[in-house]
Amino acid sequence: MRLQDEPPARLVSSPYLRCVQTLEPTAIGLALPIETTDLLAEGAGGDGAAELLLSLARSGSIAYCTHGDVVFEVASLVASTGVALDGPRDVPVASAWLFDVDDGRFVGARFVEQPPR
């Protein structure tokens, strides 16, 4: 699945410049603003990021940009609820996960391979 298959309704990023830059082409293409939050900043931990993702899921599909440590912690938290992870927790830089949310809880998590360059 790619963003063109299901365009996000919102773009949310760590305030770090590299994350904002990662979402800029999508923001331009979809004419959406990039919202920033410290909950996705490097070192922020997974608890706040996971709660943010759950709360934002109510507004439709979102694309977010964060850092490897935060993604690892969110994936670990999701797995601890009994959701099977379809992919590795320790993922490479510039990787993507699709977290499925239903009724305010995580119900699925799929790793998305990077497209060939």
C-alpha atoms as a PDB file:
ATOM      1  CA  MET A   1       0.000   0.000   0.000  1.00  0.00           C
ATOM      2  CA  ARG A   2       1.236   3.450  -0.867  1.00  0.00           C
ATOM      3  CA  LEU A   3      -0.081   6.908  -0.052  1.00  0.00           C
ATOM      4  CA  GLN A   4      -1.686   7.190  -3.488  1.00  0.00           C
ATOM      5  CA  ASP A   5      -3.837   4.150  -2.616  1.00  0.00           C
ATOM      6  CA  GLU A   6      -5.332   5.903   0.413  1.00  0.00           C
ATOM      7  CA  PRO A   7      -4.269   9.541   0.682  1.00  0.00           C
ATOM      8  CA  PRO A   8      -3.977  10.732   4.276  1.00  0.00           C
ATOM      9  CA  ALA A   9      -6.356  13.287   5.718  1.00  0.00           C
ATOM     10  CA  ARG A  10      -3.596  14.708   7.933  1.00  0.00           C
ATOM     11  CA  LEU A  11       0.197  14.918   8.047  1.00  0.00           C
ATOM     12  CA  VAL A  12       1.844  14.864  11.461  1.00  0.00           C
ATOM     13  CA  SER A  13       5.569  15.069  12.130  1.00  0.00           C
ATOM     14  CA  SER A  14       8.285  15.268  14.689  1.00  0.00           C
ATOM     15  CA  PRO A  15       9.406  18.899  14.838  1.00  0.00           C
ATOM     16  CA  TYR A  16      12.895  17.835  13.684  1.00  0.00           C
ATOM     17  CA  LEU A  17      13.710  19.320  10.293  1.00  0.00           C
ATOM     18  CA  ARG A  18      14.450  16.001   8.565  1.00  0.00           C
ATOM     19  CA  CYS A  19      11.009  14.616   9.430  1.00  0.00           C
ATOM     20  CA  VAL A  20       9.256  17.783   8.253  1.00  0.00           C
ATOM     21  CA  GLN A  21      11.271  17.647   5.008  1.00  0.00           C
ATOM     22  CA  THR A  22      10.253  14.019   4.511  1.00  0.00           C
ATOM     23  CA  LEU A  23       6.573  14.975   4.499  1.00  0.00           C
ATOM     24  CA  GLU A  24       6.942  18.163   2.421  1.00  0.00           C
ATOM     25  CA  PRO A  25       6.440  16.546  -1.033  1.00  0.00           C
ATOM     26  CA  THR A  26       3.276  14.850   0.231  1.00  0.00           C
ATOM     27  CA  ALA A  27       2.070  18.096   1.807  1.00  0.00           C
ATOM     28  CA  ILE A  28       2.570  19.951  -1.461  1.00  0.00           C
ATOM     29  CA  GLY A  29       0.962  17.215  -3.552  1.00  0.00           C
ATOM     30  CA  LEU A  30      -2.110  16.967  -1.317  1.00  0.00           C
ATOM     31  CA  ALA A  31      -2.258  20.647  -0.301  1.00  0.00           C
ATOM     32  CA  LEU A  32      -2.170  19.674   3.375  1.00  0.00           C
ATOM     33  CA  PRO A  33      -0.358  21.405   6.228  1.00  0.00           C
ATOM     34  CA  ILE A  34       2.267  19.549   8.249  1.00  0.00           C
ATOM     35  CA  GLU A  35       1.382  19.523  11.925  1.00  0.00           C
ATOM     36  CA  THR A  36       4.320  19.063  14.309  1.00  0.00           C
ATOM     37  CA  THR A  37       4.372  17.616  17.800  1.00  0.00           C
ATOM     38  CA  ASP A  38       7.040  16.820  20.346  1.00  0.00           C
ATOM     39  CA  LEU A  39       5.253  13.490  20.951  1.00  0.00           C
ATOM     40  CA  LEU A  40       6.935  12.242  17.752  1.00  0.00           C
ATOM     41  CA  ALA A  41      10.360  13.770  18.466  1.00  0.00           C
ATOM     42  CA  GLU A  42      13.427  11.593  18.814  1.00  0.00           C
ATOM     43  CA  GLY A  43      13.664  10.321  22.384  1.00  0.00           C
ATOM     44  CA  ALA A  44      10.008  11.077  23.140  1.00  0.00           C
ATOM     45  CA  GLY A  45       9.160   7.446  23.832  1.00  0.00           C
ATOM     46  CA  GLY A  46       6.377   5.305  22.534  1.00  0.00           C
ATOM     47  CA  ASP A  47       3.558   5.880  25.030  1.00  0.00           C
ATOM     48  CA  GLY A  48       2.697   9.416  23.958  1.00  0.00           C
ATOM     49  CA  ALA A  49       3.226   8.630  20.286  1.00  0.00           C
ATOM     50  CA  ALA A  50       0.933   5.586  20.464  1.00  0.00           C
ATOM     51  CA  GLU A  51      -1.788   7.603  22.221  1.00  0.00           C
ATOM     52  CA  LEU A  52      -1.421  10.331  19.602  1.00  0.00           C
ATOM     53  CA  LEU A  53      -1.790   7.838  16.755  1.00  0.00           C
ATOM     54  CA  LEU A  54      -4.894   6.352  18.344  1.00  0.00           C
ATOM     55  CA  SER A  55      -6.477   9.766  18.848  1.00  0.00           C
ATOM     56  CA  LEU A  56      -5.654  10.970  15.337  1.00  0.00           C
ATOM     57  CA  ALA A  57      -7.072   7.823  13.741  1.00  0.00           C
ATOM     58  CA  ARG A  58     -10.554   9.163  14.476  1.00  0.00           C
ATOM     59  CA  SER A  59     -10.007  11.845  11.824  1.00  0.00           C
ATOM     60  CA  GLY A  60      -9.197   9.347   9.076  1.00  0.00           C
ATOM     61  CA  SER A  61      -5.985   8.079   7.582  1.00  0.00           C
ATOM     62  CA  ILE A  62      -2.860   9.931   8.695  1.00  0.00           C
ATOM     63  CA  ALA A  63       0.740   9.939   7.561  1.00  0.00           C
ATOM     64  CA  TYR A  64       3.289  10.621  10.234  1.00  0.00           C
ATOM     65  CA  CYS A  65       7.033  10.987  10.409  1.00  0.00           C
ATOM     66  CA  THR A  66       9.004  10.127  13.511  1.00  0.00           C
ATOM     67  CA  HIS A  67      12.298   8.503  14.460  1.00  0.00           C
ATOM     68  CA  GLY A  68      13.498   4.908  14.715  1.00  0.00           C
ATOM     69  CA  ASP A  69      13.474   4.793  18.495  1.00  0.00           C
ATOM     70  CA  VAL A  70       9.873   5.995  18.633  1.00  0.00           C
ATOM     71  CA  VAL A  71       8.710   3.564  15.930  1.00  0.00           C
ATOM     72  CA  PHE A  72      10.408   0.690  17.767  1.00  0.00           C
ATOM     73  CA  GLU A  73       8.682   1.610  21.013  1.00  0.00           C
ATOM     74  CA  VAL A  74       5.271   2.054  19.365  1.00  0.00           C
ATOM     75  CA  ALA A  75       5.620  -1.317  17.605  1.00  0.00           C
ATOM     76  CA  SER A  76       6.588  -2.927  20.923  1.00  0.00           C
ATOM     77  CA  LEU A  77       3.584  -1.383  22.657  1.00  0.00           C
ATOM     78  CA  VAL A  78       1.262  -2.551  19.895  1.00  0.00           C
ATOM     79  CA  ALA A  79       2.700  -6.075  20.113  1.00  0.00           C
ATOM     80  CA  SER A  80       2.257  -6.066  23.897  1.00  0.00           C
ATOM     81  CA  THR A  81      -1.518  -5.694  23.379  1.00  0.00           C
ATOM     82  CA  GLY A  82      -1.569  -8.982  21.483  1.00  0.00           C
ATOM     83  CA  VAL A  83      -1.542  -7.547  17.973  1.00  0.00           C
ATOM     84  CA  ALA A  84       0.680  -9.580  15.669  1.00  0.00           C
ATOM     85  CA  LEU A  85       3.297  -7.487  13.906  1.00  0.00           C
ATOM     86  CA  ASP A  86       3.660  -8.223  10.220  1.00  0.00           C
ATOM     87  CA  GLY A  87       7.302  -7.209  10.052  1.00  0.00           C
ATOM     88  CA  PRO A  88      10.409  -6.643  12.145  1.00  0.00           C
ATOM     89  CA  ARG A  89      10.394  -4.348  15.181  1.00  0.00           C
ATOM     90  CA  ASP A  90      13.973  -3.238  14.615  1.00  0.00           C
ATOM     91  CA  VAL A  91      13.507  -1.563  11.251  1.00  0.00           C
ATOM     92  CA  PRO A  92      15.898   0.293   8.991  1.00  0.00           C
ATOM     93  CA  VAL A  93      15.992   4.059   8.698  1.00  0.00           C
ATOM     94  CA  ALA A  94      13.381   5.459   6.310  1.00  0.00           C
ATOM     95  CA  SER A  95      11.034   2.549   6.860  1.00  0.00           C
ATOM     96  CA  ALA A  96       7.277   2.636   7.134  1.00  0.00           C
ATOM     97  CA  TRP A  97       4.624   0.914   9.203  1.00  0.00           C
ATOM     98  CA  LEU A  98       0.879   0.919   8.694  1.00  0.00           C
ATOM     99  CA  PHE A  99      -0.924   0.790  12.010  1.00  0.00           C
ATOM    100  CA  ASP A 100      -4.576  -0.196  11.765  1.00  0.00           C
ATOM    101  CA  VAL A 101      -6.871   1.270  14.393  1.00  0.00           C
ATOM    102  CA  ASP A 102     -10.456   0.314  15.113  1.00  0.00           C
ATOM    103  CA  ASP A 103     -12.633   1.640  17.908  1.00  0.00           C
ATOM    104  CA  GLY A 104      -9.716   3.406  19.601  1.00  0.00           C
ATOM    105  CA  ARG A 105      -7.300   0.468  19.688  1.00  0.00           C
ATOM    106  CA  PHE A 106      -4.595  -0.993  17.499  1.00  0.00           C
ATOM    107  CA  VAL A 107      -5.813  -4.023  15.561  1.00  0.00           C
ATOM    108  CA  GLY A 108      -3.019  -4.507  13.031  1.00  0.00           C
ATOM    109  CA  ALA A 109       0.507  -3.464  12.158  1.00  0.00           C
ATOM    110  CA  ARG A 110       2.174  -4.038   8.794  1.00  0.00           C
ATOM    111  CA  PHE A 111       5.712  -3.220   7.751  1.00  0.00           C
ATOM    112  CA  VAL A 112       5.981  -1.594   4.316  1.00  0.00           C
ATOM    113  CA  GLU A 113       9.101  -2.415   2.329  1.00  0.00           C
ATOM    114  CA  GLN A 114      10.890   0.515   0.761  1.00  0.00           C
ATOM    115  CA  PRO A 115      10.351   0.775  -2.985  1.00  0.00           C
ATOM    116  CA  PRO A 116      13.398   0.026  -5.126  1.00  0.00           C
ATOM    117  CA  ARG A 117      15.507   3.073  -5.902  1.00  0.00           C
END
